[in-house]
Amino acid sequence: MDRKLEFIATGAGIRLDKYIAEEYPEFSRSYVQRLISEGLITVNDRPAKGSLKLNVGDRITVLVPPPAPSSLLPEEIPLNIVYEDSDLLVVDKPAGLTVHPAPGHPSHTLVNAILAHCPDLQVIGGSMRPGIVHRLDKDTSGLMVVAKNDAAQQNLSSQMKARSVVKRYSVLVQGHLSPATGTIEAPIGRNPRNRKKMAVVSGGREARTQYRVIKYLDNYTLVEVTLETGRTHQIRVHLAAIGFPVVGDEVYGRRSPVLKRQFVHACHLGFRLPSTGEYVEFNSELPPDLKEALERLSLL
């Protein structure tokens, strides 16, 4: 039986297929395009093309057919499981591990590891992203929640869309960030000069980032970042936009002499358990490479 999703567009000038893929991380853009080609996605009750540019207030309806058999293969990749029940698991993802397969990267991902741990995991939202309800960049470490069944996936996705999931990150930036607390509110979209990068652009998706300074280290600042929205590369783009790029971020900043990857760690995750509604929280300490970077900087 098809699952029906209905929601209202909040951004203008964004392609329909891109908008849905960003709103529902469990759907790949190619999967969304297939649903569109099969007439399973409508805008204001009319069939639409993936290239349709949305207006604020457009009513989008998505019919999701039952999952097809997965072509993914389980791989015995070590998982740091922080919590697990019959509906979900919370994992502490290491830096360097891609979340889900993509063209050019078909294996050795978090999804492959989860399939080895949960062989009967239902395939949700297309065959390439079973259980995925949010993402972390490949070189970002820290906490992620993964659904084990369709009901849990829908529940967690609804919490994400309602912005009731609490996601905090430990981030080190270049420079002396001031004031000590603040909110960055700036729309994010594709960089018009480099489509592989994101940027603060007029007409982009709404994006809000809160930050709180934890410690100053010479010309660096350790901050705790709380995401109110979940746009691609949001933390890195927002902090670079106000002049304080993330240490080690070669895309939006520059190479670091003390770290081989960006200093972003998902340190805190809070949400309600789908089965009981109980609010739970999980925390993750900084991994060794980030601790070592802080130790080196404190001695400069």
C-alpha atoms as a PDB file:
ATOM      1  CA  MET A   1       0.000   0.000   0.000  1.00  0.00           C
ATOM      2  CA  ASP A   2       1.313   3.444  -0.915  1.00  0.00           C
ATOM      3  CA  ARG A   3       2.298   5.847   1.866  1.00  0.00           C
ATOM      4  CA  LYS A   4       0.995   9.399   1.405  1.00  0.00           C
ATOM      5  CA  LEU A   5       3.025  12.479   2.353  1.00  0.00           C
ATOM      6  CA  GLU A   6       1.575  15.984   2.168  1.00  0.00           C
ATOM      7  CA  PHE A   7       3.354  19.238   2.951  1.00  0.00           C
ATOM      8  CA  ILE A   8       3.508  22.905   2.001  1.00  0.00           C
ATOM      9  CA  ALA A   9       6.502  24.472   0.238  1.00  0.00           C
ATOM     10  CA  THR A  10       8.261  27.109   2.341  1.00  0.00           C
ATOM     11  CA  GLY A  11      10.897  28.129  -0.215  1.00  0.00           C
ATOM     12  CA  ALA A  12      10.552  29.867  -3.578  1.00  0.00           C
ATOM     13  CA  GLY A  13      12.373  29.236  -6.855  1.00  0.00           C
ATOM     14  CA  ILE A  14      13.630  25.783  -5.838  1.00  0.00           C
ATOM     15  CA  ARG A  15      13.280  22.745  -8.113  1.00  0.00           C
ATOM     16  CA  LEU A  16      10.618  20.304  -7.001  1.00  0.00           C
ATOM     17  CA  ASP A  17      12.908  17.231  -7.048  1.00  0.00           C
ATOM     18  CA  LYS A  18      15.644  19.024  -5.090  1.00  0.00           C
ATOM     19  CA  TYR A  19      13.183  20.379  -2.542  1.00  0.00           C
ATOM     20  CA  ILE A  20      11.685  16.962  -1.743  1.00  0.00           C
ATOM     21  CA  ALA A  21      15.109  15.302  -1.521  1.00  0.00           C
ATOM     22  CA  GLU A  22      16.231  17.941   1.000  1.00  0.00           C
ATOM     23  CA  GLU A  23      13.017  17.777   3.019  1.00  0.00           C
ATOM     24  CA  TYR A  24      13.219  13.971   3.228  1.00  0.00           C
ATOM     25  CA  PRO A  25      16.871  12.818   3.486  1.00  0.00           C
ATOM     26  CA  GLU A  26      15.756   9.195   3.188  1.00  0.00           C
ATOM     27  CA  PHE A  27      14.852   9.904  -0.473  1.00  0.00           C
ATOM     28  CA  SER A  28      17.632  10.228  -3.024  1.00  0.00           C
ATOM     29  CA  ARG A  29      17.074  12.785  -5.750  1.00  0.00           C
ATOM     30  CA  SER A  30      17.055  10.044  -8.405  1.00  0.00           C
ATOM     31  CA  TYR A  31      14.361   8.206  -6.426  1.00  0.00           C
ATOM     32  CA  VAL A  32      12.271  11.407  -6.263  1.00  0.00           C
ATOM     33  CA  GLN A  33      12.673  11.852 -10.002  1.00  0.00           C
ATOM     34  CA  ARG A  34      11.445   8.293 -10.544  1.00  0.00           C
ATOM     35  CA  LEU A  35       8.353   8.979  -8.423  1.00  0.00           C
ATOM     36  CA  ILE A  36       7.700  12.111 -10.472  1.00  0.00           C
ATOM     37  CA  SER A  37       8.051  10.203 -13.763  1.00  0.00           C
ATOM     38  CA  GLU A  38       5.526   7.653 -12.484  1.00  0.00           C
ATOM     39  CA  GLY A  39       3.022  10.388 -11.632  1.00  0.00           C
ATOM     40  CA  LEU A  40       3.257   9.794  -7.886  1.00  0.00           C
ATOM     41  CA  ILE A  41       4.106  13.390  -7.010  1.00  0.00           C
ATOM     42  CA  THR A  42       1.721  16.296  -7.569  1.00  0.00           C
ATOM     43  CA  VAL A  43       1.843  20.025  -6.870  1.00  0.00           C
ATOM     44  CA  ASN A  44      -1.499  21.640  -6.095  1.00  0.00           C
ATOM     45  CA  ASP A  45      -3.159  18.384  -7.200  1.00  0.00           C
ATOM     46  CA  ARG A  46      -1.553  18.496 -10.652  1.00  0.00           C
ATOM     47  CA  PRO A  47       1.240  16.295 -12.065  1.00  0.00           C
ATOM     48  CA  ALA A  48       4.532  18.184 -12.174  1.00  0.00           C
ATOM     49  CA  LYS A  49       8.006  17.888 -13.634  1.00  0.00           C
ATOM     50  CA  GLY A  50      11.088  17.651 -11.441  1.00  0.00           C
ATOM     51  CA  SER A  51      12.333  20.938 -12.876  1.00  0.00           C
ATOM     52  CA  LEU A  52       9.242  22.835 -11.691  1.00  0.00           C
ATOM     53  CA  LYS A  53      10.238  25.890  -9.636  1.00  0.00           C
ATOM     54  CA  LEU A  54       8.134  26.006  -6.501  1.00  0.00           C
ATOM     55  CA  ASN A  55       6.329  28.953  -4.970  1.00  0.00           C
ATOM     56  CA  VAL A  56       5.805  29.485  -1.252  1.00  0.00           C
ATOM     57  CA  GLY A  57       2.527  27.831  -0.288  1.00  0.00           C
ATOM     58  CA  ASP A  58       2.500  25.203  -3.039  1.00  0.00           C
ATOM     59  CA  ARG A  59       0.860  22.001  -1.788  1.00  0.00           C
ATOM     60  CA  ILE A  60       2.997  18.940  -2.513  1.00  0.00           C
ATOM     61  CA  THR A  61       1.672  15.383  -2.349  1.00  0.00           C
ATOM     62  CA  VAL A  62       3.957  12.351  -2.547  1.00  0.00           C
ATOM     63  CA  LEU A  63       2.739   8.756  -2.859  1.00  0.00           C
ATOM     64  CA  VAL A  64       5.502   6.404  -1.731  1.00  0.00           C
ATOM     65  CA  PRO A  65       5.067   2.841  -3.033  1.00  0.00           C
ATOM     66  CA  PRO A  66       6.035  -0.206  -0.958  1.00  0.00           C
ATOM     67  CA  PRO A  67       9.823  -0.674  -0.856  1.00  0.00           C
ATOM     68  CA  ALA A  68      11.532  -2.680  -3.552  1.00  0.00           C
ATOM     69  CA  PRO A  69      14.087  -5.376  -2.692  1.00  0.00           C
ATOM     70  CA  SER A  70      17.414  -3.825  -1.817  1.00  0.00           C
ATOM     71  CA  SER A  71      20.505  -4.254  -3.971  1.00  0.00           C
ATOM     72  CA  LEU A  72      22.722  -3.155  -1.098  1.00  0.00           C
ATOM     73  CA  LEU A  73      25.141  -5.619   0.440  1.00  0.00           C
ATOM     74  CA  PRO A  74      25.854  -5.822   4.172  1.00  0.00           C
ATOM     75  CA  GLU A  75      29.460  -5.203   5.200  1.00  0.00           C
ATOM     76  CA  GLU A  76      31.094  -6.054   8.505  1.00  0.00           C
ATOM     77  CA  ILE A  77      32.201  -2.515   9.338  1.00  0.00           C
ATOM     78  CA  PRO A  78      32.614  -1.798  13.077  1.00  0.00           C
ATOM     79  CA  LEU A  79      29.752   0.237  14.562  1.00  0.00           C
ATOM     80  CA  ASN A  80      29.843   2.214  17.797  1.00  0.00           C
ATOM     81  CA  ILE A  81      26.245   1.702  18.934  1.00  0.00           C
ATOM     82  CA  VAL A  82      25.234   4.079  21.723  1.00  0.00           C
ATOM     83  CA  TYR A  83      21.619   2.908  22.043  1.00  0.00           C
ATOM     84  CA  GLU A  84      19.368   0.342  20.396  1.00  0.00           C
ATOM     85  CA  ASP A  85      15.786  -0.858  20.677  1.00  0.00           C
ATOM     86  CA  SER A  86      13.307  -2.572  18.344  1.00  0.00           C
ATOM     87  CA  ASP A  87      12.636   0.692  16.456  1.00  0.00           C
ATOM     88  CA  LEU A  88      15.981   2.376  16.065  1.00  0.00           C
ATOM     89  CA  LEU A  89      19.643   2.597  16.894  1.00  0.00           C
ATOM     90  CA  VAL A  90      21.838   5.569  17.751  1.00  0.00           C
ATOM     91  CA  VAL A  91      25.359   5.288  16.386  1.00  0.00           C
ATOM     92  CA  ASP A  92      28.492   7.347  16.924  1.00  0.00           C
ATOM     93  CA  LYS A  93      29.763   7.713  13.352  1.00  0.00           C
ATOM     94  CA  PRO A  94      33.526   8.058  12.843  1.00  0.00           C
ATOM     95  CA  ALA A  95      34.947  10.695  10.531  1.00  0.00           C
ATOM     96  CA  GLY A  96      35.736   9.372   7.062  1.00  0.00           C
ATOM     97  CA  LEU A  97      32.671   7.122   6.811  1.00  0.00           C
ATOM     98  CA  THR A  98      30.070   8.121   4.210  1.00  0.00           C
ATOM     99  CA  VAL A  99      26.478   7.746   5.407  1.00  0.00           C
ATOM    100  CA  HIS A 100      24.876   6.141   2.353  1.00  0.00           C
ATOM    101  CA  PRO A 101      25.902   4.824  -1.072  1.00  0.00           C
ATOM    102  CA  ALA A 102      25.952   7.207  -4.021  1.00  0.00           C
ATOM    103  CA  PRO A 103      27.182   7.131  -7.619  1.00  0.00           C
ATOM    104  CA  GLY A 104      30.908   6.462  -7.493  1.00  0.00           C
ATOM    105  CA  HIS A 105      30.712   5.264  -3.882  1.00  0.00           C
ATOM    106  CA  PRO A 106      28.559   2.094  -3.865  1.00  0.00           C
ATOM    107  CA  SER A 107      29.927   0.435  -0.756  1.00  0.00           C
ATOM    108  CA  HIS A 108      31.738   0.808   2.586  1.00  0.00           C
ATOM    109  CA  THR A 109      29.162   3.213   4.003  1.00  0.00           C
ATOM    110  CA  LEU A 110      27.262   3.472   7.273  1.00  0.00           C
ATOM    111  CA  VAL A 111      24.233   1.931   5.536  1.00  0.00           C
ATOM    112  CA  ASN A 112      26.258  -1.136   4.544  1.00  0.00           C
ATOM    113  CA  ALA A 113      27.424  -1.498   8.150  1.00  0.00           C
ATOM    114  CA  ILE A 114      23.877  -1.156   9.510  1.00  0.00           C
ATOM    115  CA  LEU A 115      22.582  -3.821   7.114  1.00  0.00           C
ATOM    116  CA  ALA A 116      25.183  -6.222   8.509  1.00  0.00           C
ATOM    117  CA  HIS A 117      24.017  -5.423  12.041  1.00  0.00           C
ATOM    118  CA  CYS A 118      20.294  -5.511  11.165  1.00  0.00           C
ATOM    119  CA  PRO A 119      19.859  -8.037   8.309  1.00  0.00           C
ATOM    120  CA  ASP A 120      16.073  -7.658   8.324  1.00  0.00           C
ATOM    121  CA  LEU A 121      16.124  -3.859   8.137  1.00  0.00           C
ATOM    122  CA  GLN A 122      13.238  -2.648   6.019  1.00  0.00           C
ATOM    123  CA  VAL A 123      14.172  -0.723   2.892  1.00  0.00           C
ATOM    124  CA  ILE A 124      12.732   2.727   3.351  1.00  0.00           C
ATOM    125  CA  GLY A 125      12.439   5.471   0.746  1.00  0.00           C
ATOM    126  CA  GLY A 126      14.242   3.708  -2.091  1.00  0.00           C
ATOM    127  CA  SER A 127      16.884   1.040  -2.013  1.00  0.00           C
ATOM    128  CA  MET A 128      19.951   3.182  -1.244  1.00  0.00           C
ATOM    129  CA  ARG A 129      19.086   4.773   2.118  1.00  0.00           C
ATOM    130  CA  PRO A 130      17.299   2.308   4.397  1.00  0.00           C
ATOM    131  CA  GLY A 131      16.534   3.849   7.779  1.00  0.00           C
ATOM    132  CA  ILE A 132      18.310   7.153   7.152  1.00  0.00           C
ATOM    133  CA  VAL A 133      16.384  10.163   8.506  1.00  0.00           C
ATOM    134  CA  HIS A 134      19.239  12.677   8.718  1.00  0.00           C
ATOM    135  CA  ARG A 135      22.836  12.879   7.570  1.00  0.00           C
ATOM    136  CA  LEU A 136      26.306  13.865   8.650  1.00  0.00           C
ATOM    137  CA  ASP A 137      29.050  14.873   6.217  1.00  0.00           C
ATOM    138  CA  LYS A 138      31.625  12.173   5.514  1.00  0.00           C
ATOM    139  CA  ASP A 139      34.280  13.995   7.564  1.00  0.00           C
ATOM    140  CA  THR A 140      31.930  14.943  10.414  1.00  0.00           C
ATOM    141  CA  SER A 141      31.926  12.568  13.373  1.00  0.00           C
ATOM    142  CA  GLY A 142      29.259  11.976  15.988  1.00  0.00           C
ATOM    143  CA  LEU A 143      25.723  10.912  16.761  1.00  0.00           C
ATOM    144  CA  MET A 144      23.092   9.752  14.280  1.00  0.00           C
ATOM    145  CA  VAL A 145      19.736   8.021  14.760  1.00  0.00           C
ATOM    146  CA  VAL A 146      18.730   5.311  12.279  1.00  0.00           C
ATOM    147  CA  ALA A 147      15.228   3.833  11.961  1.00  0.00           C
ATOM    148  CA  LYS A 148      14.724   0.069  11.835  1.00  0.00           C
ATOM    149  CA  ASN A 149      11.191   0.049  10.426  1.00  0.00           C
ATOM    150  CA  ASP A 150       8.814   2.182   8.417  1.00  0.00           C
ATOM    151  CA  ALA A 151       6.732   3.390  11.371  1.00  0.00           C
ATOM    152  CA  ALA A 152       9.834   4.551  13.276  1.00  0.00           C
ATOM    153  CA  GLN A 153      11.176   6.240  10.150  1.00  0.00           C
ATOM    154  CA  GLN A 154       7.938   8.187   9.672  1.00  0.00           C
ATOM    155  CA  ASN A 155       7.869   9.179  13.345  1.00  0.00           C
ATOM    156  CA  LEU A 156      11.487  10.358  13.385  1.00  0.00           C
ATOM    157  CA  SER A 157      11.094  12.191  10.071  1.00  0.00           C
ATOM    158  CA  SER A 158       8.078  14.013  11.499  1.00  0.00           C
ATOM    159  CA  GLN A 159      10.116  15.039  14.538  1.00  0.00           C
ATOM    160  CA  MET A 160      12.863  16.318  12.245  1.00  0.00           C
ATOM    161  CA  LYS A 161      10.404  18.351  10.163  1.00  0.00           C
ATOM    162  CA  ALA A 162       8.811  19.770  13.326  1.00  0.00           C
ATOM    163  CA  ARG A 163      12.314  20.796  14.480  1.00  0.00           C
ATOM    164  CA  SER A 164      11.782  19.057  17.804  1.00  0.00           C
ATOM    165  CA  VAL A 165      14.954  16.956  17.480  1.00  0.00           C
ATOM    166  CA  VAL A 166      17.838  18.612  19.343  1.00  0.00           C
ATOM    167  CA  LYS A 167      21.156  18.445  17.469  1.00  0.00           C
ATOM    168  CA  ARG A 168      24.259  20.080  18.947  1.00  0.00           C
ATOM    169  CA  TYR A 169      27.793  20.120  17.600  1.00  0.00           C
ATOM    170  CA  SER A 170      31.256  20.902  18.938  1.00  0.00           C
ATOM    171  CA  VAL A 171      32.971  23.134  16.397  1.00  0.00           C
ATOM    172  CA  LEU A 172      36.333  24.903  16.305  1.00  0.00           C
ATOM    173  CA  VAL A 173      36.533  28.056  14.196  1.00  0.00           C
ATOM    174  CA  GLN A 174      39.336  30.334  13.149  1.00  0.00           C
ATOM    175  CA  GLY A 175      39.303  33.723  14.831  1.00  0.00           C
ATOM    176  CA  HIS A 176      37.952  35.230  18.051  1.00  0.00           C
ATOM    177  CA  LEU A 177      34.192  34.792  17.619  1.00  0.00           C
ATOM    178  CA  SER A 178      32.209  37.608  19.196  1.00  0.00           C
ATOM    179  CA  PRO A 179      29.626  38.085  20.653  1.00  0.00           C
ATOM    180  CA  ALA A 180      29.815  34.973  22.810  1.00  0.00           C
ATOM    181  CA  THR A 181      26.309  33.853  21.826  1.00  0.00           C
ATOM    182  CA  GLY A 182      24.311  34.474  18.706  1.00  0.00           C
ATOM    183  CA  THR A 183      22.056  33.243  15.941  1.00  0.00           C
ATOM    184  CA  ILE A 184      23.023  33.150  12.281  1.00  0.00           C
ATOM    185  CA  GLU A 185      19.971  33.430  10.052  1.00  0.00           C
ATOM    186  CA  ALA A 186      20.757  33.385   6.335  1.00  0.00           C
ATOM    187  CA  PRO A 187      19.268  31.390   3.412  1.00  0.00           C
ATOM    188  CA  ILE A 188      21.423  28.618   1.942  1.00  0.00           C
ATOM    189  CA  GLY A 189      21.432  27.340  -1.628  1.00  0.00           C
ATOM    190  CA  ARG A 190      23.804  26.150  -4.339  1.00  0.00           C
ATOM    191  CA  ASN A 191      26.737  28.454  -5.000  1.00  0.00           C
ATOM    192  CA  PRO A 192      25.949  29.939  -8.440  1.00  0.00           C
ATOM    193  CA  ARG A 193      29.673  29.990  -9.310  1.00  0.00           C
ATOM    194  CA  ASN A 194      30.394  26.446  -8.108  1.00  0.00           C
ATOM    195  CA  ARG A 195      27.464  24.025  -8.077  1.00  0.00           C
ATOM    196  CA  LYS A 196      29.400  21.547  -5.909  1.00  0.00           C
ATOM    197  CA  LYS A 197      29.396  24.055  -3.044  1.00  0.00           C
ATOM    198  CA  MET A 198      26.675  25.666  -0.954  1.00  0.00           C
ATOM    199  CA  ALA A 199      26.509  29.364  -0.115  1.00  0.00           C
ATOM    200  CA  VAL A 200      24.394  32.048   1.506  1.00  0.00           C
ATOM    201  CA  VAL A 201      22.257  33.139  -1.454  1.00  0.00           C
ATOM    202  CA  SER A 202      19.147  35.200  -1.986  1.00  0.00           C
ATOM    203  CA  GLY A 203      16.216  32.873  -2.557  1.00  0.00           C
ATOM    204  CA  GLY A 204      17.919  29.947  -0.797  1.00  0.00           C
ATOM    205  CA  ARG A 205      16.336  27.717   1.835  1.00  0.00           C
ATOM    206  CA  GLU A 206      15.642  29.162   5.274  1.00  0.00           C
ATOM    207  CA  ALA A 207      18.530  28.321   7.622  1.00  0.00           C
ATOM    208  CA  ARG A 208      19.112  29.157  11.302  1.00  0.00           C
ATOM    209  CA  THR A 209      22.164  28.302  13.385  1.00  0.00           C
ATOM    210  CA  GLN A 210      22.643  29.109  17.074  1.00  0.00           C
ATOM    211  CA  TYR A 211      26.077  29.182  18.678  1.00  0.00           C
ATOM    212  CA  ARG A 212      27.596  29.568  22.136  1.00  0.00           C
ATOM    213  CA  VAL A 213      31.295  30.121  22.818  1.00  0.00           C
ATOM    214  CA  ILE A 214      32.827  27.441  25.019  1.00  0.00           C
ATOM    215  CA  LYS A 215      36.458  28.558  25.065  1.00  0.00           C
ATOM    216  CA  TYR A 216      38.905  30.893  23.348  1.00  0.00           C
ATOM    217  CA  LEU A 217      42.269  29.434  22.251  1.00  0.00           C
ATOM    218  CA  ASP A 218      44.530  32.212  20.977  1.00  0.00           C
ATOM    219  CA  ASN A 219      43.129  32.973  17.514  1.00  0.00           C
ATOM    220  CA  TYR A 220      40.638  30.109  17.630  1.00  0.00           C
ATOM    221  CA  THR A 221      37.223  29.669  19.260  1.00  0.00           C
ATOM    222  CA  LEU A 222      35.602  26.441  20.440  1.00  0.00           C
ATOM    223  CA  VAL A 223      31.833  26.761  20.106  1.00  0.00           C
ATOM    224  CA  GLU A 224      28.726  24.692  20.701  1.00  0.00           C
ATOM    225  CA  VAL A 225      26.404  24.933  17.703  1.00  0.00           C
ATOM    226  CA  THR A 226      22.696  24.086  17.740  1.00  0.00           C
ATOM    227  CA  LEU A 227      20.948  23.588  14.410  1.00  0.00           C
ATOM    228  CA  GLU A 228      17.376  24.808  14.050  1.00  0.00           C
ATOM    229  CA  THR A 229      17.314  23.700  10.401  1.00  0.00           C
ATOM    230  CA  GLY A 230      19.281  21.011   8.590  1.00  0.00           C
ATOM    231  CA  ARG A 231      20.574  22.388   5.307  1.00  0.00           C
ATOM    232  CA  THR A 232      23.506  20.856   3.443  1.00  0.00           C
ATOM    233  CA  HIS A 233      26.831  22.028   4.968  1.00  0.00           C
ATOM    234  CA  GLN A 234      24.858  24.503   7.107  1.00  0.00           C
ATOM    235  CA  ILE A 235      27.322  24.872   9.983  1.00  0.00           C
ATOM    236  CA  ARG A 236      30.314  25.276   7.705  1.00  0.00           C
ATOM    237  CA  VAL A 237      28.568  27.702   5.331  1.00  0.00           C
ATOM    238  CA  HIS A 238      27.085  29.902   8.054  1.00  0.00           C
ATOM    239  CA  LEU A 239      30.272  30.232  10.095  1.00  0.00           C
ATOM    240  CA  ALA A 240      32.362  30.943   6.991  1.00  0.00           C
ATOM    241  CA  ALA A 241      29.798  33.554   5.906  1.00  0.00           C
ATOM    242  CA  ILE A 242      30.302  35.583   9.096  1.00  0.00           C
ATOM    243  CA  GLY A 243      34.090  35.383   8.788  1.00  0.00           C
ATOM    244  CA  PHE A 244      34.864  32.466  11.122  1.00  0.00           C
ATOM    245  CA  PRO A 245      35.472  29.359   8.975  1.00  0.00           C
ATOM    246  CA  VAL A 246      35.638  25.934  10.572  1.00  0.00           C
ATOM    247  CA  VAL A 247      39.186  24.750  11.274  1.00  0.00           C
ATOM    248  CA  GLY A 248      40.280  22.143   8.738  1.00  0.00           C
ATOM    249  CA  ASP A 249      37.466  22.895   6.284  1.00  0.00           C
ATOM    250  CA  GLU A 250      39.217  23.073   2.911  1.00  0.00           C
ATOM    251  CA  VAL A 251      35.961  23.724   1.033  1.00  0.00           C
ATOM    252  CA  TYR A 252      34.768  26.852   2.847  1.00  0.00           C
ATOM    253  CA  GLY A 253      37.976  27.756   4.673  1.00  0.00           C
ATOM    254  CA  ARG A 254      41.533  26.530   4.357  1.00  0.00           C
ATOM    255  CA  ARG A 255      43.816  23.631   5.235  1.00  0.00           C
ATOM    256  CA  SER A 256      44.809  23.339   8.889  1.00  0.00           C
ATOM    257  CA  PRO A 257      48.297  22.489  10.178  1.00  0.00           C
ATOM    258  CA  VAL A 258      46.809  20.651  13.182  1.00  0.00           C
ATOM    259  CA  LEU A 259      43.934  18.664  11.668  1.00  0.00           C
ATOM    260  CA  LYS A 260      43.316  16.633   8.508  1.00  0.00           C
ATOM    261  CA  ARG A 261      39.533  17.127   8.475  1.00  0.00           C
ATOM    262  CA  GLN A 262      36.952  19.712   9.502  1.00  0.00           C
ATOM    263  CA  PHE A 263      36.498  20.203  13.233  1.00  0.00           C
ATOM    264  CA  VAL A 264      32.790  19.361  13.473  1.00  0.00           C
ATOM    265  CA  HIS A 265      31.503  16.726  15.904  1.00  0.00           C
ATOM    266  CA  ALA A 266      27.825  15.882  16.546  1.00  0.00           C
ATOM    267  CA  CYS A 267      28.091  15.787  20.323  1.00  0.00           C
ATOM    268  CA  HIS A 268      24.444  15.782  21.451  1.00  0.00           C
ATOM    269  CA  LEU A 269      21.220  14.279  20.113  1.00  0.00           C
ATOM    270  CA  GLY A 270      17.776  14.445  21.719  1.00  0.00           C
ATOM    271  CA  PHE A 271      14.428  13.126  20.447  1.00  0.00           C
ATOM    272  CA  ARG A 272      11.309  11.208  21.472  1.00  0.00           C
ATOM    273  CA  LEU A 273      11.255   7.424  21.206  1.00  0.00           C
ATOM    274  CA  PRO A 274       8.680   6.430  18.567  1.00  0.00           C
ATOM    275  CA  SER A 275       7.336   3.582  20.703  1.00  0.00           C
ATOM    276  CA  THR A 276       6.664   5.445  23.954  1.00  0.00           C
ATOM    277  CA  GLY A 277       7.046   9.178  23.283  1.00  0.00           C
ATOM    278  CA  GLU A 278       9.695   9.352  26.018  1.00  0.00           C
ATOM    279  CA  TYR A 279      12.264  12.107  25.411  1.00  0.00           C
ATOM    280  CA  VAL A 280      15.817  10.741  25.424  1.00  0.00           C
ATOM    281  CA  GLU A 281      19.225  12.404  25.071  1.00  0.00           C
ATOM    282  CA  PHE A 282      22.626  11.073  24.065  1.00  0.00           C
ATOM    283  CA  ASN A 283      26.084  12.616  24.261  1.00  0.00           C
ATOM    284  CA  SER A 284      29.383  11.859  22.555  1.00  0.00           C
ATOM    285  CA  GLU A 285      32.850  12.961  23.653  1.00  0.00           C
ATOM    286  CA  LEU A 286      35.298  14.445  21.180  1.00  0.00           C
ATOM    287  CA  PRO A 287      37.166  11.731  19.247  1.00  0.00           C
ATOM    288  CA  PRO A 288      40.963  11.453  19.683  1.00  0.00           C
ATOM    289  CA  ASP A 289      41.928  13.474  16.586  1.00  0.00           C
ATOM    290  CA  LEU A 290      39.879  16.482  17.695  1.00  0.00           C
ATOM    291  CA  LYS A 291      41.146  16.247  21.279  1.00  0.00           C
ATOM    292  CA  GLU A 292      44.707  16.155  19.964  1.00  0.00           C
ATOM    293  CA  ALA A 293      44.063  19.238  17.817  1.00  0.00           C
ATOM    294  CA  LEU A 294      42.841  21.166  20.867  1.00  0.00           C
ATOM    295  CA  GLU A 295      45.851  20.058  22.896  1.00  0.00           C
ATOM    296  CA  ARG A 296      48.236  21.223  20.169  1.00  0.00           C
ATOM    297  CA  LEU A 297      46.515  24.577  19.847  1.00  0.00           C
ATOM    298  CA  SER A 298      46.534  25.212  23.595  1.00  0.00           C
ATOM    299  CA  LEU A 299      50.330  24.950  23.506  1.00  0.00           C
ATOM    300  CA  LEU A 300      50.824  27.461  20.689  1.00  0.00           C
END
